[in-house]
Amino acid sequence: MIDPGQVAAFLKTGLIVWFALLAGAVALKMLQGEIRMDGIFRPQPNAPMAPERVAMFVASFGLVAFYFLQGMTPVCPADGGACSMPDLPEGFLTAFGGANAVYIAGKLMRSG
């Protein structure tokens, strides 16, 4: 009979390998210049760095990294029910909403 724990471990390892290969492929394309990164923090080619873009990048990357690491250990109820992904702390959602607000405010200030 197939052990559900072994299947879960196999799928977890496969998911980690998949994301590692995906991250490696994106990093390789960035290093080869096929994915341009020179303007990610600048609204125009010769403009100064926009702080709202940096805040949005850091908040997005941090949230994804945190949730990925938390998701590696699913929350399973004691009664043997179905496992689920962990909830995000409320502070993270507040920080992400704040980063979005700063980004939108910066866009409005620069366009107006």
PDB file of N, CA and C in Angstrom:
ATOM      1  N   MET A   1       0.845  -1.183   0.000  1.00  0.00           N
ATOM      2  CA  MET A   1       0.000   0.000   0.000  1.00  0.00           C
ATOM      3  C   MET A   1       0.894   1.252   0.000  1.00  0.00           C
ATOM      4  N   ILE A   2       0.416   2.298  -0.605  1.00  0.00           N
ATOM      5  CA  ILE A   2       1.174   3.554  -0.708  1.00  0.00           C
ATOM      6  C   ILE A   2       0.999   4.353   0.574  1.00  0.00           C
ATOM      7  N   ASP A   3       2.136   4.742   1.133  1.00  0.00           N
ATOM      8  CA  ASP A   3       2.123   5.537   2.358  1.00  0.00           C
ATOM      9  C   ASP A   3       1.918   7.012   2.003  1.00  0.00           C
ATOM     10  N   PRO A   4       0.859   7.666   2.518  1.00  0.00           N
ATOM     11  CA  PRO A   4       0.616   9.081   2.204  1.00  0.00           C
ATOM     12  C   PRO A   4       1.777   9.988   2.626  1.00  0.00           C
ATOM     13  N   GLY A   5       2.484   9.622   3.686  1.00  0.00           N
ATOM     14  CA  GLY A   5       3.623  10.423   4.127  1.00  0.00           C
ATOM     15  C   GLY A   5       4.746  10.428   3.102  1.00  0.00           C
ATOM     16  N   GLN A   6       4.976   9.271   2.474  1.00  0.00           N
ATOM     17  CA  GLN A   6       6.017   9.190   1.447  1.00  0.00           C
ATOM     18  C   GLN A   6       5.611   9.970   0.195  1.00  0.00           C
ATOM     19  N   VAL A   7       4.345   9.893  -0.153  1.00  0.00           N
ATOM     20  CA  VAL A   7       3.860  10.656  -1.313  1.00  0.00           C
ATOM     21  C   VAL A   7       4.011  12.148  -1.054  1.00  0.00           C
ATOM     22  N   ALA A   8       3.643  12.586   0.154  1.00  0.00           N
ATOM     23  CA  ALA A   8       3.770  13.999   0.501  1.00  0.00           C
ATOM     24  C   ALA A   8       5.227  14.438   0.471  1.00  0.00           C
ATOM     25  N   ALA A   9       6.126  13.621   0.992  1.00  0.00           N
ATOM     26  CA  ALA A   9       7.549  13.956   0.983  1.00  0.00           C
ATOM     27  C   ALA A   9       8.076  14.023  -0.446  1.00  0.00           C
ATOM     28  N   PHE A  10       7.646  13.089  -1.289  1.00  0.00           N
ATOM     29  CA  PHE A  10       8.065  13.096  -2.689  1.00  0.00           C
ATOM     30  C   PHE A  10       7.568  14.359  -3.405  1.00  0.00           C
ATOM     31  N   LEU A  11       6.310  14.707  -3.201  1.00  0.00           N
ATOM     32  CA  LEU A  11       5.754  15.904  -3.832  1.00  0.00           C
ATOM     33  C   LEU A  11       6.425  17.178  -3.313  1.00  0.00           C
ATOM     34  N   LYS A  12       6.721  17.203  -2.028  1.00  0.00           N
ATOM     35  CA  LYS A  12       7.404  18.361  -1.451  1.00  0.00           C
ATOM     36  C   LYS A  12       8.781  18.525  -2.076  1.00  0.00           C
ATOM     37  N   THR A  13       9.526  17.442  -2.187  1.00  0.00           N
ATOM     38  CA  THR A  13      10.852  17.499  -2.803  1.00  0.00           C
ATOM     39  C   THR A  13      10.745  17.910  -4.265  1.00  0.00           C
ATOM     40  N   GLY A  14       9.773  17.357  -4.964  1.00  0.00           N
ATOM     41  CA  GLY A  14       9.579  17.722  -6.367  1.00  0.00           C
ATOM     42  C   GLY A  14       9.253  19.194  -6.536  1.00  0.00           C
ATOM     43  N   LEU A  15       8.439  19.732  -5.638  1.00  0.00           N
ATOM     44  CA  LEU A  15       8.082  21.149  -5.701  1.00  0.00           C
ATOM     45  C   LEU A  15       9.294  22.040  -5.451  1.00  0.00           C
ATOM     46  N   ILE A  16      10.105  21.660  -4.473  1.00  0.00           N
ATOM     47  CA  ILE A  16      11.315  22.443  -4.182  1.00  0.00           C
ATOM     48  C   ILE A  16      12.268  22.405  -5.366  1.00  0.00           C
ATOM     49  N   VAL A  17      12.450  21.235  -5.967  1.00  0.00           N
ATOM     50  CA  VAL A  17      13.327  21.119  -7.138  1.00  0.00           C
ATOM     51  C   VAL A  17      12.769  21.943  -8.291  1.00  0.00           C
ATOM     52  N   TRP A  18      11.454  21.890  -8.513  1.00  0.00           N
ATOM     53  CA  TRP A  18      10.831  22.646  -9.595  1.00  0.00           C
ATOM     54  C   TRP A  18      11.075  24.146  -9.433  1.00  0.00           C
ATOM     55  N   PHE A  19      10.826  24.664  -8.215  1.00  0.00           N
ATOM     56  CA  PHE A  19      11.036  26.096  -7.977  1.00  0.00           C
ATOM     57  C   PHE A  19      12.512  26.471  -8.080  1.00  0.00           C
ATOM     58  N   ALA A  20      13.396  25.594  -7.648  1.00  0.00           N
ATOM     59  CA  ALA A  20      14.828  25.873  -7.764  1.00  0.00           C
ATOM     60  C   ALA A  20      15.238  25.938  -9.235  1.00  0.00           C
ATOM     61  N   LEU A  21      14.750  25.006 -10.043  1.00  0.00           N
ATOM     62  CA  LEU A  21      15.060  25.040 -11.481  1.00  0.00           C
ATOM     63  C   LEU A  21      14.459  26.267 -12.155  1.00  0.00           C
ATOM     64  N   LEU A  22      13.247  26.636 -11.773  1.00  0.00           N
ATOM     65  CA  LEU A  22      12.615  27.826 -12.329  1.00  0.00           C
ATOM     66  C   LEU A  22      13.406  29.082 -11.962  1.00  0.00           C
ATOM     67  N   ALA A  23      13.807  29.190 -10.691  1.00  0.00           N
ATOM     68  CA  ALA A  23      14.605  30.337 -10.260  1.00  0.00           C
ATOM     69  C   ALA A  23      15.951  30.357 -10.978  1.00  0.00           C
ATOM     70  N   GLY A  24      16.547  29.196 -11.170  1.00  0.00           N
ATOM     71  CA  GLY A  24      17.818  29.123 -11.896  1.00  0.00           C
ATOM     72  C   GLY A  24      17.669  29.552 -13.344  1.00  0.00           C
ATOM     73  N   ALA A  25      16.580  29.135 -13.992  1.00  0.00           N
ATOM     74  CA  ALA A  25      16.354  29.527 -15.391  1.00  0.00           C
ATOM     75  C   ALA A  25      16.145  31.031 -15.509  1.00  0.00           C
ATOM     76  N   VAL A  26      15.393  31.613 -14.594  1.00  0.00           N
ATOM     77  CA  VAL A  26      15.174  33.063 -14.620  1.00  0.00           C
ATOM     78  C   VAL A  26      16.484  33.795 -14.353  1.00  0.00           C
ATOM     79  N   ALA A  27      17.261  33.325 -13.369  1.00  0.00           N
ATOM     80  CA  ALA A  27      18.548  33.962 -13.064  1.00  0.00           C
ATOM     81  C   ALA A  27      19.489  33.877 -14.261  1.00  0.00           C
ATOM     82  N   LEU A  28      19.516  32.739 -14.941  1.00  0.00           N
ATOM     83  CA  LEU A  28      20.366  32.580 -16.117  1.00  0.00           C
ATOM     84  C   LEU A  28      19.951  33.548 -17.222  1.00  0.00           C
ATOM     85  N   LYS A  29      18.655  33.675 -17.472  1.00  0.00           N
ATOM     86  CA  LYS A  29      18.175  34.614 -18.491  1.00  0.00           C
ATOM     87  C   LYS A  29      18.507  36.057 -18.112  1.00  0.00           C
ATOM     88  N   MET A  30      18.460  36.364 -16.813  1.00  0.00           N
ATOM     89  CA  MET A  30      18.816  37.713 -16.371  1.00  0.00           C
ATOM     90  C   MET A  30      20.302  37.966 -16.603  1.00  0.00           C
ATOM     91  N   LEU A  31      21.133  36.991 -16.295  1.00  0.00           N
ATOM     92  CA  LEU A  31      22.574  37.141 -16.492  1.00  0.00           C
ATOM     93  C   LEU A  31      22.948  37.222 -17.967  1.00  0.00           C
ATOM     94  N   GLN A  32      22.206  36.544 -18.810  1.00  0.00           N
ATOM     95  CA  GLN A  32      22.461  36.581 -20.251  1.00  0.00           C
ATOM     96  C   GLN A  32      21.904  37.842 -20.907  1.00  0.00           C
ATOM     97  N   GLY A  33      21.134  38.617 -20.171  1.00  0.00           N
ATOM     98  CA  GLY A  33      20.585  39.850 -20.708  1.00  0.00           C
ATOM     99  C   GLY A  33      19.273  39.683 -21.447  1.00  0.00           C
ATOM    100  N   GLU A  34      18.699  38.496 -21.448  1.00  0.00           N
ATOM    101  CA  GLU A  34      17.425  38.285 -22.123  1.00  0.00           C
ATOM    102  C   GLU A  34      16.260  38.837 -21.300  1.00  0.00           C
ATOM    103  N   ILE A  35      16.445  38.940 -19.999  1.00  0.00           N
ATOM    104  CA  ILE A  35      15.482  39.605 -19.128  1.00  0.00           C
ATOM    105  C   ILE A  35      16.184  40.858 -18.618  1.00  0.00           C
ATOM    106  N   ARG A  36      15.710  42.015 -19.056  1.00  0.00           N
ATOM    107  CA  ARG A  36      16.358  43.267 -18.688  1.00  0.00           C
ATOM    108  C   ARG A  36      15.962  43.677 -17.280  1.00  0.00           C
ATOM    109  N   MET A  37      16.946  44.019 -16.479  1.00  0.00           N
ATOM    110  CA  MET A  37      16.712  44.430 -15.110  1.00  0.00           C
ATOM    111  C   MET A  37      17.195  45.855 -14.846  1.00  0.00           C
ATOM    112  N   ASP A  38      17.713  46.525 -15.869  1.00  0.00           N
ATOM    113  CA  ASP A  38      18.319  47.840 -15.656  1.00  0.00           C
ATOM    114  C   ASP A  38      17.314  48.933 -15.301  1.00  0.00           C
ATOM    115  N   GLY A  39      16.047  48.759 -15.589  1.00  0.00           N
ATOM    116  CA  GLY A  39      15.074  49.799 -15.291  1.00  0.00           C
ATOM    117  C   GLY A  39      14.024  49.391 -14.282  1.00  0.00           C
ATOM    118  N   ILE A  40      14.296  48.364 -13.504  1.00  0.00           N
ATOM    119  CA  ILE A  40      13.269  47.856 -12.602  1.00  0.00           C
ATOM    120  C   ILE A  40      12.919  48.850 -11.493  1.00  0.00           C
ATOM    121  N   PHE A  41      13.875  49.664 -11.076  1.00  0.00           N
ATOM    122  CA  PHE A  41      13.625  50.629 -10.003  1.00  0.00           C
ATOM    123  C   PHE A  41      13.530  52.060 -10.516  1.00  0.00           C
ATOM    124  N   ARG A  42      13.533  52.262 -11.815  1.00  0.00           N
ATOM    125  CA  ARG A  42      13.493  53.606 -12.401  1.00  0.00           C
ATOM    126  C   ARG A  42      12.273  53.740 -13.317  1.00  0.00           C
ATOM    127  N   PRO A  43      11.493  54.824 -13.177  1.00  0.00           N
ATOM    128  CA  PRO A  43      10.333  55.004 -14.049  1.00  0.00           C
ATOM    129  C   PRO A  43      10.712  55.356 -15.487  1.00  0.00           C
ATOM    130  N   GLN A  44      11.847  56.019 -15.670  1.00  0.00           N
ATOM    131  CA  GLN A  44      12.350  56.389 -16.995  1.00  0.00           C
ATOM    132  C   GLN A  44      13.809  55.944 -17.078  1.00  0.00           C
ATOM    133  N   PRO A  45      14.361  55.776 -18.288  1.00  0.00           N
ATOM    134  CA  PRO A  45      15.739  55.273 -18.417  1.00  0.00           C
ATOM    135  C   PRO A  45      16.793  56.064 -17.633  1.00  0.00           C
ATOM    136  N   ASN A  46      16.745  57.376 -17.639  1.00  0.00           N
ATOM    137  CA  ASN A  46      17.773  58.168 -16.951  1.00  0.00           C
ATOM    138  C   ASN A  46      17.262  58.818 -15.667  1.00  0.00           C
ATOM    139  N   ALA A  47      16.119  58.406 -15.193  1.00  0.00           N
ATOM    140  CA  ALA A  47      15.528  58.982 -13.982  1.00  0.00           C
ATOM    141  C   ALA A  47      16.199  58.394 -12.743  1.00  0.00           C
ATOM    142  N   PRO A  48      16.101  59.110 -11.618  1.00  0.00           N
ATOM    143  CA  PRO A  48      16.642  58.543 -10.373  1.00  0.00           C
ATOM    144  C   PRO A  48      15.798  57.355  -9.902  1.00  0.00           C
ATOM    145  N   MET A  49      16.369  56.588  -9.003  1.00  0.00           N
ATOM    146  CA  MET A  49      15.675  55.420  -8.477  1.00  0.00           C
ATOM    147  C   MET A  49      14.424  55.858  -7.720  1.00  0.00           C
ATOM    148  N   ALA A  50      13.315  55.179  -7.965  1.00  0.00           N
ATOM    149  CA  ALA A  50      12.044  55.509  -7.325  1.00  0.00           C
ATOM    150  C   ALA A  50      11.883  54.678  -6.054  1.00  0.00           C
ATOM    151  N   PRO A  51      11.820  55.330  -4.868  1.00  0.00           N
ATOM    152  CA  PRO A  51      11.719  54.579  -3.615  1.00  0.00           C
ATOM    153  C   PRO A  51      10.464  53.710  -3.520  1.00  0.00           C
ATOM    154  N   GLU A  52       9.371  54.134  -4.159  1.00  0.00           N
ATOM    155  CA  GLU A  52       8.148  53.328  -4.088  1.00  0.00           C
ATOM    156  C   GLU A  52       8.308  52.003  -4.821  1.00  0.00           C
ATOM    157  N   ARG A  53       9.120  51.991  -5.865  1.00  0.00           N
ATOM    158  CA  ARG A  53       9.369  50.740  -6.578  1.00  0.00           C
ATOM    159  C   ARG A  53      10.221  49.793  -5.742  1.00  0.00           C
ATOM    160  N   VAL A  54      11.183  50.359  -5.028  1.00  0.00           N
ATOM    161  CA  VAL A  54      12.019  49.538  -4.149  1.00  0.00           C
ATOM    162  C   VAL A  54      11.164  48.935  -3.033  1.00  0.00           C
ATOM    163  N   ALA A  55      10.297  49.750  -2.428  1.00  0.00           N
ATOM    164  CA  ALA A  55       9.433  49.264  -1.348  1.00  0.00           C
ATOM    165  C   ALA A  55       8.511  48.151  -1.852  1.00  0.00           C
ATOM    166  N   MET A  56       7.961  48.336  -3.035  1.00  0.00           N
ATOM    167  CA  MET A  56       7.061  47.321  -3.594  1.00  0.00           C
ATOM    168  C   MET A  56       7.810  46.025  -3.895  1.00  0.00           C
ATOM    169  N   PHE A  57       9.028  46.141  -4.425  1.00  0.00           N
ATOM    170  CA  PHE A  57       9.838  44.961  -4.726  1.00  0.00           C
ATOM    171  C   PHE A  57      10.186  44.199  -3.450  1.00  0.00           C
ATOM    172  N   VAL A  58      10.647  44.918  -2.439  1.00  0.00           N
ATOM    173  CA  VAL A  58      11.036  44.281  -1.179  1.00  0.00           C
ATOM    174  C   VAL A  58       9.823  43.622  -0.514  1.00  0.00           C
ATOM    175  N   ALA A  59       8.697  44.318  -0.487  1.00  0.00           N
ATOM    176  CA  ALA A  59       7.494  43.754   0.133  1.00  0.00           C
ATOM    177  C   ALA A  59       7.016  42.512  -0.622  1.00  0.00           C
ATOM    178  N   SER A  60       7.002  42.572  -1.932  1.00  0.00           N
ATOM    179  CA  SER A  60       6.542  41.425  -2.725  1.00  0.00           C
ATOM    180  C   SER A  60       7.465  40.230  -2.554  1.00  0.00           C
ATOM    181  N   PHE A  61       8.760  40.459  -2.702  1.00  0.00           N
ATOM    182  CA  PHE A  61       9.723  39.370  -2.578  1.00  0.00           C
ATOM    183  C   PHE A  61       9.705  38.788  -1.166  1.00  0.00           C
ATOM    184  N   GLY A  62       9.642  39.647  -0.168  1.00  0.00           N
ATOM    185  CA  GLY A  62       9.610  39.182   1.215  1.00  0.00           C
ATOM    186  C   GLY A  62       8.376  38.353   1.517  1.00  0.00           C
ATOM    187  N   LEU A  63       7.226  38.795   1.027  1.00  0.00           N
ATOM    188  CA  LEU A  63       5.983  38.066   1.262  1.00  0.00           C
ATOM    189  C   LEU A  63       6.009  36.696   0.587  1.00  0.00           C
ATOM    190  N   VAL A  64       6.468  36.647  -0.645  1.00  0.00           N
ATOM    191  CA  VAL A  64       6.539  35.371  -1.364  1.00  0.00           C
ATOM    192  C   VAL A  64       7.523  34.422  -0.680  1.00  0.00           C
ATOM    193  N   ALA A  65       8.692  34.921  -0.291  1.00  0.00           N
ATOM    194  CA  ALA A  65       9.689  34.081   0.368  1.00  0.00           C
ATOM    195  C   ALA A  65       9.167  33.560   1.711  1.00  0.00           C
ATOM    196  N   PHE A  66       8.549  34.436   2.485  1.00  0.00           N
ATOM    197  CA  PHE A  66       8.010  34.028   3.788  1.00  0.00           C
ATOM    198  C   PHE A  66       6.942  32.958   3.622  1.00  0.00           C
ATOM    199  N   TYR A  67       6.008  33.171   2.711  1.00  0.00           N
ATOM    200  CA  TYR A  67       4.917  32.216   2.541  1.00  0.00           C
ATOM    201  C   TYR A  67       5.418  30.895   1.978  1.00  0.00           C
ATOM    202  N   PHE A  68       6.404  30.960   1.102  1.00  0.00           N
ATOM    203  CA  PHE A  68       6.989  29.727   0.560  1.00  0.00           C
ATOM    204  C   PHE A  68       7.604  28.905   1.689  1.00  0.00           C
ATOM    205  N   LEU A  69       8.373  29.559   2.550  1.00  0.00           N
ATOM    206  CA  LEU A  69       9.004  28.842   3.658  1.00  0.00           C
ATOM    207  C   LEU A  69       7.967  28.322   4.653  1.00  0.00           C
ATOM    208  N   GLN A  70       6.931  29.109   4.924  1.00  0.00           N
ATOM    209  CA  GLN A  70       5.877  28.657   5.827  1.00  0.00           C
ATOM    210  C   GLN A  70       5.080  27.505   5.214  1.00  0.00           C
ATOM    211  N   GLY A  71       4.914  27.523   3.909  1.00  0.00           N
ATOM    212  CA  GLY A  71       4.143  26.489   3.226  1.00  0.00           C
ATOM    213  C   GLY A  71       4.834  25.144   3.178  1.00  0.00           C
ATOM    214  N   MET A  72       6.127  25.114   3.476  1.00  0.00           N
ATOM    215  CA  MET A  72       6.837  23.842   3.492  1.00  0.00           C
ATOM    216  C   MET A  72       6.413  22.974   4.674  1.00  0.00           C
ATOM    217  N   THR A  73       5.761  23.564   5.661  1.00  0.00           N
ATOM    218  CA  THR A  73       5.230  22.801   6.794  1.00  0.00           C
ATOM    219  C   THR A  73       3.733  23.096   6.898  1.00  0.00           C
ATOM    220  N   PRO A  74       2.886  22.309   6.229  1.00  0.00           N
ATOM    221  CA  PRO A  74       1.449  22.579   6.250  1.00  0.00           C
ATOM    222  C   PRO A  74       0.863  22.396   7.648  1.00  0.00           C
ATOM    223  N   VAL A  75      -0.230  23.074   7.892  1.00  0.00           N
ATOM    224  CA  VAL A  75      -0.919  23.004   9.179  1.00  0.00           C
ATOM    225  C   VAL A  75      -1.915  21.846   9.116  1.00  0.00           C
ATOM    226  N   CYS A  76      -1.717  20.871  10.001  1.00  0.00           N
ATOM    227  CA  CYS A  76      -2.608  19.709  10.038  1.00  0.00           C
ATOM    228  C   CYS A  76      -3.345  19.687  11.369  1.00  0.00           C
ATOM    229  N   PRO A  77      -4.667  19.583  11.354  1.00  0.00           N
ATOM    230  CA  PRO A  77      -5.426  19.535  12.610  1.00  0.00           C
ATOM    231  C   PRO A  77      -5.151  18.254  13.382  1.00  0.00           C
ATOM    232  N   ALA A  78      -5.313  18.329  14.703  1.00  0.00           N
ATOM    233  CA  ALA A  78      -5.045  17.179  15.571  1.00  0.00           C
ATOM    234  C   ALA A  78      -6.024  16.035  15.358  1.00  0.00           C
ATOM    235  N   ASP A  79      -7.226  16.332  14.849  1.00  0.00           N
ATOM    236  CA  ASP A  79      -8.224  15.270  14.676  1.00  0.00           C
ATOM    237  C   ASP A  79      -8.019  14.461  13.397  1.00  0.00           C
ATOM    238  N   GLY A  80      -6.926  14.736  12.673  1.00  0.00           N
ATOM    239  CA  GLY A  80      -6.627  13.974  11.464  1.00  0.00           C
ATOM    240  C   GLY A  80      -7.323  14.490  10.223  1.00  0.00           C
ATOM    241  N   GLY A  81      -7.884  15.689  10.282  1.00  0.00           N
ATOM    242  CA  GLY A  81      -8.549  16.275   9.116  1.00  0.00           C
ATOM    243  C   GLY A  81      -7.543  16.679   8.048  1.00  0.00           C
ATOM    244  N   ALA A  82      -8.045  17.303   7.029  1.00  0.00           N
ATOM    245  CA  ALA A  82      -7.204  17.713   5.908  1.00  0.00           C
ATOM    246  C   ALA A  82      -6.241  18.830   6.316  1.00  0.00           C
ATOM    247  N   CYS A  83      -5.032  18.740   5.799  1.00  0.00           N
ATOM    248  CA  CYS A  83      -4.022  19.772   6.063  1.00  0.00           C
ATOM    249  C   CYS A  83      -4.329  21.000   5.213  1.00  0.00           C
ATOM    250  N   SER A  84      -3.817  22.136   5.647  1.00  0.00           N
ATOM    251  CA  SER A  84      -4.019  23.370   4.890  1.00  0.00           C
ATOM    252  C   SER A  84      -2.757  24.212   4.944  1.00  0.00           C
ATOM    253  N   MET A  85      -2.716  25.196   4.090  1.00  0.00           N
ATOM    254  CA  MET A  85      -1.593  26.130   4.097  1.00  0.00           C
ATOM    255  C   MET A  85      -1.732  27.048   5.305  1.00  0.00           C
ATOM    256  N   PRO A  86      -0.619  27.511   5.863  1.00  0.00           N
ATOM    257  CA  PRO A  86      -0.701  28.391   7.033  1.00  0.00           C
ATOM    258  C   PRO A  86      -1.261  29.763   6.664  1.00  0.00           C
ATOM    259  N   ASP A  87      -1.898  30.386   7.639  1.00  0.00           N
ATOM    260  CA  ASP A  87      -2.407  31.738   7.437  1.00  0.00           C
ATOM    261  C   ASP A  87      -1.249  32.727   7.495  1.00  0.00           C
ATOM    262  N   LEU A  88      -1.410  33.830   6.769  1.00  0.00           N
ATOM    263  CA  LEU A  88      -0.417  34.904   6.843  1.00  0.00           C
ATOM    264  C   LEU A  88      -0.651  35.717   8.107  1.00  0.00           C
ATOM    265  N   PRO A  89       0.423  36.133   8.767  1.00  0.00           N
ATOM    266  CA  PRO A  89       0.237  37.028   9.910  1.00  0.00           C
ATOM    267  C   PRO A  89      -0.383  38.350   9.449  1.00  0.00           C
ATOM    268  N   GLU A  90      -1.211  38.926  10.282  1.00  0.00           N
ATOM    269  CA  GLU A  90      -1.889  40.163   9.910  1.00  0.00           C
ATOM    270  C   GLU A  90      -0.902  41.289   9.627  1.00  0.00           C
ATOM    271  N   GLY A  91       0.213  41.308  10.325  1.00  0.00           N
ATOM    272  CA  GLY A  91       1.223  42.335  10.092  1.00  0.00           C
ATOM    273  C   GLY A  91       1.785  42.299   8.683  1.00  0.00           C
ATOM    274  N   PHE A  92       1.870  41.106   8.096  1.00  0.00           N
ATOM    275  CA  PHE A  92       2.371  40.998   6.731  1.00  0.00           C
ATOM    276  C   PHE A  92       1.402  41.620   5.743  1.00  0.00           C
ATOM    277  N   LEU A  93       0.124  41.360   5.932  1.00  0.00           N
ATOM    278  CA  LEU A  93      -0.868  41.954   5.036  1.00  0.00           C
ATOM    279  C   LEU A  93      -0.900  43.473   5.175  1.00  0.00           C
ATOM    280  N   THR A  94      -0.712  43.958   6.394  1.00  0.00           N
ATOM    281  CA  THR A  94      -0.656  45.404   6.617  1.00  0.00           C
ATOM    282  C   THR A  94       0.562  46.002   5.927  1.00  0.00           C
ATOM    283  N   ALA A  95       1.707  45.352   6.067  1.00  0.00           N
ATOM    284  CA  ALA A  95       2.931  45.847   5.429  1.00  0.00           C
ATOM    285  C   ALA A  95       2.805  45.824   3.903  1.00  0.00           C
ATOM    286  N   PHE A  96       2.208  44.760   3.369  1.00  0.00           N
ATOM    287  CA  PHE A  96       2.040  44.672   1.920  1.00  0.00           C
ATOM    288  C   PHE A  96       1.067  45.731   1.424  1.00  0.00           C
ATOM    289  N   GLY A  97      -0.010  45.956   2.163  1.00  0.00           N
ATOM    290  CA  GLY A  97      -0.954  47.024   1.802  1.00  0.00           C
ATOM    291  C   GLY A  97      -0.298  48.388   1.875  1.00  0.00           C
ATOM    292  N   GLY A  98       0.551  48.601   2.882  1.00  0.00           N
ATOM    293  CA  GLY A  98       1.289  49.865   2.986  1.00  0.00           C
ATOM    294  C   GLY A  98       2.235  50.070   1.821  1.00  0.00           C
ATOM    295  N   ALA A  99       2.922  49.005   1.411  1.00  0.00           N
ATOM    296  CA  ALA A  99       3.832  49.103   0.265  1.00  0.00           C
ATOM    297  C   ALA A  99       3.055  49.427  -1.007  1.00  0.00           C
ATOM    298  N   ASN A 100       1.882  48.834  -1.162  1.00  0.00           N
ATOM    299  CA  ASN A 100       1.036  49.148  -2.320  1.00  0.00           C
ATOM    300  C   ASN A 100       0.586  50.606  -2.289  1.00  0.00           C
ATOM    301  N   ALA A 101       0.213  51.088  -1.105  1.00  0.00           N
ATOM    302  CA  ALA A 101      -0.225  52.481  -0.971  1.00  0.00           C
ATOM    303  C   ALA A 101       0.913  53.439  -1.301  1.00  0.00           C
ATOM    304  N   VAL A 102       2.120  53.127  -0.834  1.00  0.00           N
ATOM    305  CA  VAL A 102       3.282  53.971  -1.140  1.00  0.00           C
ATOM    306  C   VAL A 102       3.562  53.960  -2.633  1.00  0.00           C
ATOM    307  N   TYR A 103       3.453  52.798  -3.262  1.00  0.00           N
ATOM    308  CA  TYR A 103       3.690  52.700  -4.701  1.00  0.00           C
ATOM    309  C   TYR A 103       2.685  53.539  -5.486  1.00  0.00           C
ATOM    310  N   ILE A 104       1.412  53.403  -5.142  1.00  0.00           N
ATOM    311  CA  ILE A 104       0.380  54.166  -5.852  1.00  0.00           C
ATOM    312  C   ILE A 104       0.535  55.662  -5.612  1.00  0.00           C
ATOM    313  N   ALA A 105       0.851  56.045  -4.368  1.00  0.00           N
ATOM    314  CA  ALA A 105       1.071  57.466  -4.073  1.00  0.00           C
ATOM    315  C   ALA A 105       2.243  58.011  -4.881  1.00  0.00           C
ATOM    316  N   GLY A 106       3.308  57.249  -4.978  1.00  0.00           N
ATOM    317  CA  GLY A 106       4.461  57.668  -5.784  1.00  0.00           C
ATOM    318  C   GLY A 106       4.117  57.823  -7.250  1.00  0.00           C
ATOM    319  N   LYS A 107       3.318  56.883  -7.779  1.00  0.00           N
ATOM    320  CA  LYS A 107       2.891  56.972  -9.174  1.00  0.00           C
ATOM    321  C   LYS A 107       2.045  58.224  -9.405  1.00  0.00           C
ATOM    322  N   LEU A 108       1.139  58.498  -8.463  1.00  0.00           N
ATOM    323  CA  LEU A 108       0.288  59.688  -8.583  1.00  0.00           C
ATOM    324  C   LEU A 108       1.103  60.981  -8.495  1.00  0.00           C
ATOM    325  N   MET A 109       2.070  61.013  -7.616  1.00  0.00           N
ATOM    326  CA  MET A 109       2.916  62.216  -7.448  1.00  0.00           C
ATOM    327  C   MET A 109       3.749  62.458  -8.710  1.00  0.00           C
ATOM    328  N   ARG A 110       4.251  61.414  -9.318  1.00  0.00           N
ATOM    329  CA  ARG A 110       5.095  61.567 -10.502  1.00  0.00           C
ATOM    330  C   ARG A 110       4.298  61.897 -11.755  1.00  0.00           C
ATOM    331  N   SER A 111       3.049  61.447 -11.811  1.00  0.00           N
ATOM    332  CA  SER A 111       2.253  61.689 -13.018  1.00  0.00           C
ATOM    333  C   SER A 111       1.528  63.038 -12.964  1.00  0.00           C
ATOM    334  N   GLY A 112       1.327  63.557 -11.779  1.00  0.00           N
ATOM    335  CA  GLY A 112       0.532  64.776 -11.646  1.00  0.00           C
ATOM    336  C   GLY A 112       1.356  65.983 -11.671  1.00  0.00           C
TER     337      GLY A 112
END
